[in-house]
């Protein structure tokens, strides 16, 4: 069976850095944006004919891809179509932020193949959005969502964050209910992580963060409310209506091969992992020769692959299939992970059913505690 390929395209621009963000992005000016887009087109075109697998997923992330002018997005999508074999049924996602979406942009995206939008909402409370350093407010979420609906998008996902400074359980439930009122096809509910190198990290000793018990209650509330609304949990932080799971993210969790295009983008092809340079000037200079951009190359050992199979697969509610493990690695799952499996079955965090091993509901809540035991 011929393998498929996923594409990730990085757009590293934003209007301003959020106070929690450690992603590779910055509020560069128009000159840098234009030079970057031209370099990105060169990199994409340089891959033509080098990877012949059918592309089943395209994800344009950032940064804030929705900042780009429609002409740039049109050129980018056309270059992808010309350089790769993107299937007619491919999921093609673009990340967008409220306040950067216009009817003209939405029409351009729809007409050029984008069929899924992932919108970074984070909260429906203006004071919390201000604390996060977001550029939008609650009203703009509704306005942007309506623009996307009017343009014909039905596969819409919203990102929400819990465990924010000064966020209460009531705030979180209100955000969930307002998000559900928009009737999205997909919701991602993430906990805030304080990352080194961010303003929040510098302020970490003075931030008023919810305690562990409150944050756990937020997570339980999300699972309950979203289930009642018809969005089922298919991964630790992700919920979808039937048929609207993120195929791109599922590909990552199932270890599908992926190619990253753009500044700092990561790839994993033929059990080789590598990353493009994070230096903007170097990227622009070398973009026509993709191999020259690649850094941090690592050939994945069988141990690396087994760890990823377990660590990533157990994030999904379906879990990992024992027969597949044996086919891939020539060893039974128990011969490698007997201690971890037995211990977490005994403590009620793992369950085995019909040849699949998965986290229980409580296991989902304590996933990090479980998953670390599958790193050899």
Protein backbone atom coordinates (compact mmCIF):
# COMPACT_ATOMS: atom_id res chain seq x y z
CA UNK A 1 0.00 0.00 0.00
CA UNK A 2 1.41 3.39 -1.02
CA UNK A 3 2.14 5.70 1.88
CA UNK A 4 0.58 9.12 2.06
CA UNK A 5 2.20 12.38 3.14
CA UNK A 6 1.14 15.32 5.30
CA UNK A 7 2.35 18.88 4.72
CA UNK A 8 2.84 21.58 7.35
CA UNK A 9 3.49 25.15 6.18
CA UNK A 10 4.75 27.70 8.72
CA UNK A 11 3.78 31.36 8.58
CA UNK A 12 5.79 33.03 11.37
CA UNK A 13 4.01 36.39 11.46
CA UNK A 14 1.78 37.83 14.17
CA UNK A 15 0.53 41.30 15.06
CA UNK A 16 2.02 40.96 18.53
CA UNK A 17 3.39 38.10 20.61
CA UNK A 18 0.96 36.67 23.14
CA UNK A 19 2.35 36.67 26.68
CA UNK A 20 2.36 32.85 26.90
CA UNK A 21 3.65 32.10 23.38
CA UNK A 22 7.02 30.42 22.75
CA UNK A 23 6.29 29.54 19.11
CA UNK A 24 8.59 30.70 16.34
CA UNK A 25 6.76 33.89 15.40
CA UNK A 26 7.24 37.65 15.51
CA UNK A 27 5.49 40.88 14.41
CA UNK A 28 7.75 41.43 11.39
CA UNK A 29 7.08 44.29 8.97
CA UNK A 30 5.82 44.21 5.40
CA UNK A 31 9.27 43.97 3.83
CA UNK A 32 10.17 40.88 5.86
CA UNK A 33 6.80 39.30 5.13
CA UNK A 34 7.20 39.77 1.39
CA UNK A 35 10.75 38.41 1.38
CA UNK A 36 9.67 35.44 3.48
CA UNK A 37 6.70 34.58 1.28
CA UNK A 38 8.88 34.67 -1.82
CA UNK A 39 11.41 32.38 -0.11
CA UNK A 40 8.65 30.02 1.02
CA UNK A 41 7.40 29.75 -2.56
CA UNK A 42 10.94 28.87 -3.66
CA UNK A 43 11.20 26.13 -1.06
CA UNK A 44 7.84 24.65 -2.03
CA UNK A 45 8.69 24.65 -5.74
CA UNK A 46 12.09 23.08 -5.06
CA UNK A 47 10.30 19.98 -3.71
CA UNK A 48 8.47 19.37 -6.99
CA UNK A 49 9.01 15.76 -8.07
CA UNK A 50 10.99 14.83 -4.93
CA UNK A 51 8.08 13.37 -2.96
CA UNK A 52 5.53 11.45 -5.02
CA UNK A 53 3.24 10.20 -2.23
CA UNK A 54 -0.33 11.50 -2.32
CA UNK A 55 -0.82 14.36 0.15
CA UNK A 56 -3.85 13.77 2.35
CA UNK A 57 -3.47 16.73 4.73
CA UNK A 58 -2.19 20.29 4.51
CA UNK A 59 -1.93 22.49 7.61
CA UNK A 60 -0.96 26.16 7.33
CA UNK A 61 -0.01 27.28 10.83
CA UNK A 62 1.87 29.97 12.62
CA UNK A 63 2.07 32.59 13.84
CA UNK A 64 -1.06 34.00 12.29
CA UNK A 65 -1.50 32.84 8.67
CA UNK A 66 -4.72 34.85 8.41
CA UNK A 67 -2.60 38.03 8.51
CA UNK A 68 -1.36 37.35 4.98
CA UNK A 69 -2.89 39.22 2.09
CA UNK A 70 -5.13 37.06 -0.15
CA UNK A 71 -2.63 37.30 -3.02
CA UNK A 72 0.06 35.61 -0.91
CA UNK A 73 -2.26 32.82 0.21
CA UNK A 74 -3.45 32.23 -3.38
CA UNK A 75 0.15 31.97 -4.60
CA UNK A 76 1.07 29.67 -1.72
CA UNK A 77 -1.84 27.29 -2.30
CA UNK A 78 -1.21 27.22 -6.05
CA UNK A 79 2.47 26.38 -5.50
CA UNK A 80 1.49 23.51 -3.19
CA UNK A 81 -0.92 22.16 -5.81
CA UNK A 82 1.74 22.39 -8.53
CA UNK A 83 4.51 20.79 -6.45
CA UNK A 84 2.72 17.96 -4.61
CA UNK A 85 0.02 15.42 -5.39
CA UNK A 86 -2.69 16.79 -3.12
CA UNK A 87 -5.70 14.49 -3.22
CA UNK A 88 -9.17 15.82 -3.97
CA UNK A 89 -10.32 14.67 -0.51
CA UNK A 90 -7.38 16.19 1.38
CA UNK A 91 -8.07 18.09 4.57
CA UNK A 92 -6.61 21.58 4.11
CA UNK A 93 -6.52 23.65 7.30
CA UNK A 94 -5.59 27.28 7.86
CA UNK A 95 -5.07 28.79 11.29
CA UNK A 96 -6.81 32.12 11.76
CA UNK A 97 -7.22 34.63 14.57
CA UNK A 98 -10.31 36.76 15.21
CA UNK A 99 -9.72 40.34 14.16
CA UNK A 100 -7.64 39.33 11.11
CA UNK A 101 -10.43 37.68 9.08
CA UNK A 102 -12.18 39.60 6.30
CA UNK A 103 -14.79 38.49 3.76
CA UNK A 104 -12.22 38.88 0.96
CA UNK A 105 -9.71 36.63 2.75
CA UNK A 106 -12.34 34.02 3.60
CA UNK A 107 -13.49 33.85 -0.04
CA UNK A 108 -9.88 33.50 -1.22
CA UNK A 109 -9.24 30.62 1.19
CA UNK A 110 -12.41 28.80 0.19
CA UNK A 111 -11.87 29.25 -3.54
CA UNK A 112 -8.29 27.98 -3.36
CA UNK A 113 -8.83 24.72 -1.53
CA UNK A 114 -8.90 25.53 2.19
CA UNK A 115 -11.74 23.46 3.66
CA UNK A 116 -11.04 23.73 7.40
CA UNK A 117 -10.36 26.73 9.63
CA UNK A 118 -8.81 26.50 13.08
CA UNK A 119 -9.53 29.73 14.95
CA UNK A 120 -7.54 30.76 18.04
CA UNK A 121 -10.21 32.03 20.43
CA UNK A 122 -8.66 31.04 23.81
CA UNK A 123 -11.31 32.80 25.93
CA UNK A 124 -14.67 34.54 25.63
CA UNK A 125 -13.86 36.98 28.45
CA UNK A 126 -12.29 40.26 27.34
CA UNK A 127 -10.30 40.83 30.53
CA UNK A 128 -8.64 37.41 30.19
CA UNK A 129 -7.88 38.00 26.51
CA UNK A 130 -6.18 41.25 27.52
CA UNK A 131 -4.06 39.43 30.11
CA UNK A 132 -3.01 36.89 27.48
CA UNK A 133 -1.94 39.63 25.06
CA UNK A 134 -4.47 38.57 22.45
CA UNK A 135 -5.33 41.14 19.76
CA UNK A 136 -9.07 40.38 19.66
CA UNK A 137 -12.10 40.62 21.91
CA UNK A 138 -15.22 38.50 22.36
CA UNK A 139 -17.26 40.50 19.83
CA UNK A 140 -14.65 39.91 17.12
CA UNK A 141 -14.87 36.14 17.70
CA UNK A 142 -18.56 36.21 16.76
CA UNK A 143 -17.96 38.57 13.81
CA UNK A 144 -15.09 36.46 12.43
CA UNK A 145 -17.06 33.26 12.85
CA UNK A 146 -20.00 34.73 10.92
CA UNK A 147 -17.67 35.80 8.08
CA UNK A 148 -16.38 32.23 7.80
CA UNK A 149 -19.91 30.80 7.80
CA UNK A 150 -20.99 33.26 5.12
CA UNK A 151 -18.01 32.18 3.00
CA UNK A 152 -19.27 28.59 3.15
CA UNK A 153 -16.99 27.02 5.76
CA UNK A 154 -18.60 24.24 7.77
CA UNK A 155 -15.51 22.53 9.19
CA UNK A 156 -14.63 25.10 11.84
CA UNK A 157 -12.50 24.45 14.91
CA UNK A 158 -12.01 26.68 17.95
CA UNK A 159 -9.01 26.64 20.31
CA UNK A 160 -9.77 27.38 23.97
CA UNK A 161 -7.44 27.65 26.97
CA UNK A 162 -8.02 26.79 30.62
CA UNK A 163 -5.91 27.40 33.71
CA UNK A 164 -5.38 31.06 32.82
CA UNK A 165 -4.31 33.75 35.32
CA UNK A 166 -7.36 34.90 37.33
CA UNK A 167 -9.64 32.52 35.41
CA UNK A 168 -12.43 31.01 37.50
CA UNK A 169 -14.47 27.87 36.94
CA UNK A 170 -17.40 30.12 36.09
CA UNK A 171 -15.30 31.97 33.47
CA UNK A 172 -14.34 28.67 31.85
CA UNK A 173 -17.87 27.30 31.73
CA UNK A 174 -19.11 30.58 30.26
CA UNK A 175 -16.42 30.38 27.54
CA UNK A 176 -17.39 26.77 26.76
CA UNK A 177 -21.08 27.60 26.51
CA UNK A 178 -20.48 30.62 24.28
CA UNK A 179 -18.19 28.58 22.05
CA UNK A 180 -20.79 25.81 21.79
CA UNK A 181 -23.43 28.38 20.85
CA UNK A 182 -21.45 28.91 17.63
CA UNK A 183 -21.94 25.20 16.83
CA UNK A 184 -18.35 24.43 15.81
CA UNK A 185 -17.43 21.07 14.33
CA UNK A 186 -14.35 20.77 16.53
CA UNK A 187 -12.98 22.16 19.80
CA UNK A 188 -9.47 21.98 21.25
CA UNK A 189 -9.25 22.63 24.99
CA UNK A 190 -5.70 23.15 26.22
CA UNK A 191 -4.22 23.94 29.61
CA UNK A 192 -1.93 26.95 29.82
CA UNK A 193 1.70 25.91 30.07
CA UNK A 194 4.17 28.50 31.34
CA UNK A 195 7.07 28.26 28.89
CA UNK A 196 10.57 29.58 29.51
CA UNK A 197 11.42 32.69 27.50
CA UNK A 198 7.91 34.16 27.63
CA UNK A 199 6.62 37.16 29.61
CA UNK A 200 4.44 34.79 31.63
CA UNK A 201 7.56 32.85 32.63
CA UNK A 202 9.19 36.03 33.91
CA UNK A 203 6.01 36.78 35.90
CA UNK A 204 5.40 33.19 37.02
CA UNK A 205 5.83 33.92 40.73
CA UNK A 206 3.24 36.69 40.68
CA UNK A 207 0.64 35.17 38.34
CA UNK A 208 -2.61 34.20 40.03
CA UNK A 209 -3.10 30.77 38.47
CA UNK A 210 -5.95 28.36 39.33
CA UNK A 211 -4.87 25.55 41.63
CA UNK A 212 -4.59 21.96 40.44
CA UNK A 213 -8.02 20.99 41.77
CA UNK A 214 -9.73 23.89 39.99
CA UNK A 215 -7.97 23.14 36.72
CA UNK A 216 -8.97 19.48 36.97
CA UNK A 217 -12.58 20.60 37.51
CA UNK A 218 -12.30 22.73 34.37
CA UNK A 219 -11.18 19.71 32.38
CA UNK A 220 -14.04 17.57 33.70
CA UNK A 221 -16.52 20.36 32.91
CA UNK A 222 -15.26 20.52 29.33
CA UNK A 223 -15.65 16.76 28.84
CA UNK A 224 -19.17 16.83 30.25
CA UNK A 225 -20.47 19.90 28.42
CA UNK A 226 -18.95 18.95 25.08
CA UNK A 227 -20.28 15.40 25.27
CA UNK A 228 -23.77 16.76 25.97
CA UNK A 229 -23.40 18.99 22.89
CA UNK A 230 -22.47 16.04 20.65
CA UNK A 231 -18.69 16.56 20.48
CA UNK A 232 -16.90 13.35 21.48
CA UNK A 233 -13.40 13.26 22.92
CA UNK A 234 -10.99 11.56 20.53
CA UNK A 235 -7.73 12.78 22.10
CA UNK A 236 -6.70 14.19 25.47
CA UNK A 237 -7.38 17.81 24.47
CA UNK A 238 -9.53 17.44 21.35
CA UNK A 239 -13.26 17.01 20.77
CA UNK A 240 -15.21 16.71 17.52
CA UNK A 241 -18.56 15.97 15.99
CA UNK A 242 -18.51 12.57 14.24
CA UNK A 243 -16.43 12.79 11.06
CA UNK A 244 -14.78 16.11 11.98
CA UNK A 245 -11.70 14.88 13.84
CA UNK A 246 -8.54 16.72 12.78
CA UNK A 247 -7.02 14.31 10.26
CA UNK A 248 -3.76 16.22 10.35
CA UNK A 249 -3.35 15.89 14.12
CA UNK A 250 -4.43 12.26 14.00
CA UNK A 251 -1.67 11.73 11.45
CA UNK A 252 0.90 13.05 13.93
CA UNK A 253 -0.42 10.82 16.71
CA UNK A 254 -0.37 7.81 14.36
CA UNK A 255 3.17 8.62 13.19
CA UNK A 256 2.31 9.37 9.57
CA UNK A 257 5.18 10.90 7.53
CA UNK A 258 5.10 14.68 7.36
CA UNK A 259 7.06 17.40 5.60
CA UNK A 260 7.47 20.82 7.18
CA UNK A 261 7.89 23.84 4.92
CA UNK A 262 8.95 27.26 6.12
CA UNK A 263 11.07 28.78 8.85
CA UNK A 264 11.83 26.32 11.66
CA UNK A 265 9.34 23.73 10.34
CA UNK A 266 9.88 20.14 11.47
CA UNK A 267 9.69 17.02 9.29
CA UNK A 268 9.75 13.27 9.76
CA UNK A 269 10.35 11.33 6.54
CA UNK A 270 11.57 7.74 6.14
CA UNK A 271 12.30 7.56 9.90
CA UNK A 272 14.52 10.64 9.62
CA UNK A 273 13.58 13.69 11.69
CA UNK A 274 14.93 17.14 10.84
CA UNK A 275 14.09 20.81 11.20
CA UNK A 276 14.50 23.82 8.94
CA UNK A 277 16.75 26.63 10.13
CA UNK A 278 15.18 29.13 12.52
CA UNK A 279 17.36 31.97 11.21
CA UNK A 280 15.21 34.17 8.94
CA UNK A 281 18.09 35.56 6.84
CA UNK A 282 19.56 32.10 6.34
CA UNK A 283 16.15 30.72 5.40
CA UNK A 284 15.60 33.42 2.78
CA UNK A 285 19.09 32.89 1.36
CA UNK A 286 18.91 29.07 1.11
CA UNK A 287 15.22 28.45 0.44
CA UNK A 288 15.73 27.29 -3.16
CA UNK A 289 17.83 24.37 -1.85
CA UNK A 290 15.69 22.66 0.82
CA UNK A 291 18.41 20.21 1.89
CA UNK A 292 20.62 23.16 2.87
CA UNK A 293 17.94 24.33 5.30
CA UNK A 294 17.82 21.09 7.27
CA UNK A 295 19.28 21.01 10.77
CA UNK A 296 19.14 18.72 13.81
CA UNK A 297 18.91 15.57 11.71
CA UNK A 298 18.13 12.40 13.64
CA UNK A 299 17.62 8.86 12.39
CA UNK A 300 14.94 7.28 14.60
CA UNK A 301 16.06 4.03 16.20
CA UNK A 302 13.59 1.22 16.80
CA UNK A 303 13.46 2.29 20.43
CA UNK A 304 12.58 5.86 19.38
CA UNK A 305 9.83 4.51 17.13
CA UNK A 306 8.37 2.25 19.82
CA UNK A 307 8.35 5.11 22.32
CA UNK A 308 6.56 7.39 19.85
CA UNK A 309 4.06 4.65 18.96
CA UNK A 310 3.07 4.34 22.63
CA UNK A 311 3.47 7.95 23.76
CA UNK A 312 1.56 9.46 20.84
CA UNK A 313 -0.95 6.66 20.31
CA UNK A 314 -2.09 6.60 23.93
CA UNK A 315 -3.04 10.27 23.68
CA UNK A 316 -5.99 9.17 21.53
CA UNK A 317 -9.06 7.75 23.21
CA UNK A 318 -8.92 4.70 20.96
CA UNK A 319 -5.43 3.90 22.20
CA UNK A 320 -2.84 1.61 20.59
CA UNK A 321 -3.35 -1.73 18.85
CA UNK A 322 -1.21 -4.60 20.11
CA UNK A 323 -1.17 -6.47 16.79
CA UNK A 324 0.04 -3.37 14.94
CA UNK A 325 2.89 -2.95 17.44
CA UNK A 326 3.97 -6.54 16.81
CA UNK A 327 3.79 -6.13 13.00
CA UNK A 328 5.85 -2.94 13.06
CA UNK A 329 8.53 -3.94 15.54
CA UNK A 330 8.62 -7.75 15.53
CA UNK A 331 8.06 -7.82 19.28
CA UNK A 332 5.01 -8.01 21.48
CA UNK A 333 3.99 -4.93 23.41
CA UNK A 334 4.23 -6.89 26.68
CA UNK A 335 7.81 -7.96 25.98
CA UNK A 336 8.84 -4.30 25.98
CA UNK A 337 6.40 -2.58 28.33
CA UNK A 338 5.11 -5.30 30.66
CA UNK A 339 5.88 -3.40 33.90
CA UNK A 340 4.26 -0.14 32.81
CA UNK A 341 1.19 -1.88 31.38
CA UNK A 342 0.61 -4.06 34.44
CA UNK A 343 1.15 -1.20 36.90
CA UNK A 344 -1.25 1.19 35.19
CA UNK A 345 -3.88 -1.49 34.63
CA UNK A 346 -3.73 -2.16 38.35
CA UNK A 347 -4.09 1.50 39.29
CA UNK A 348 -7.02 1.96 36.90
CA UNK A 349 -5.28 4.28 34.44
CA UNK A 350 -5.04 1.79 31.53
CA UNK A 351 -7.54 -0.71 30.18
CA UNK A 352 -7.23 -3.40 27.50
CA UNK A 353 -10.17 -4.28 25.26
CA UNK A 354 -10.27 -6.41 22.09
CA UNK A 355 -6.57 -6.08 21.41
CA UNK A 356 -6.38 -2.32 22.09
CA UNK A 357 -4.68 -0.66 25.04
CA UNK A 358 -6.03 2.75 26.03
CA UNK A 359 -6.21 5.26 28.85
CA UNK A 360 -9.26 5.18 31.10
CA UNK A 361 -11.12 8.44 31.81
CA UNK A 362 -9.03 8.87 34.94
CA UNK A 363 -5.98 7.93 32.92
CA UNK A 364 -6.73 10.77 30.50
CA UNK A 365 -6.73 13.14 33.44
CA UNK A 366 -3.35 11.80 34.64
CA UNK A 367 -1.93 11.14 31.17
CA UNK A 368 1.51 12.65 31.76
CA UNK A 369 1.99 10.39 34.76
CA UNK A 370 1.23 7.36 32.56
CA UNK A 371 2.94 8.30 29.31
CA UNK A 372 6.31 8.99 30.90
CA UNK A 373 6.52 5.30 31.80
CA UNK A 374 6.58 4.36 28.11
CA UNK A 375 9.84 6.22 27.50
CA UNK A 376 12.53 3.55 27.72
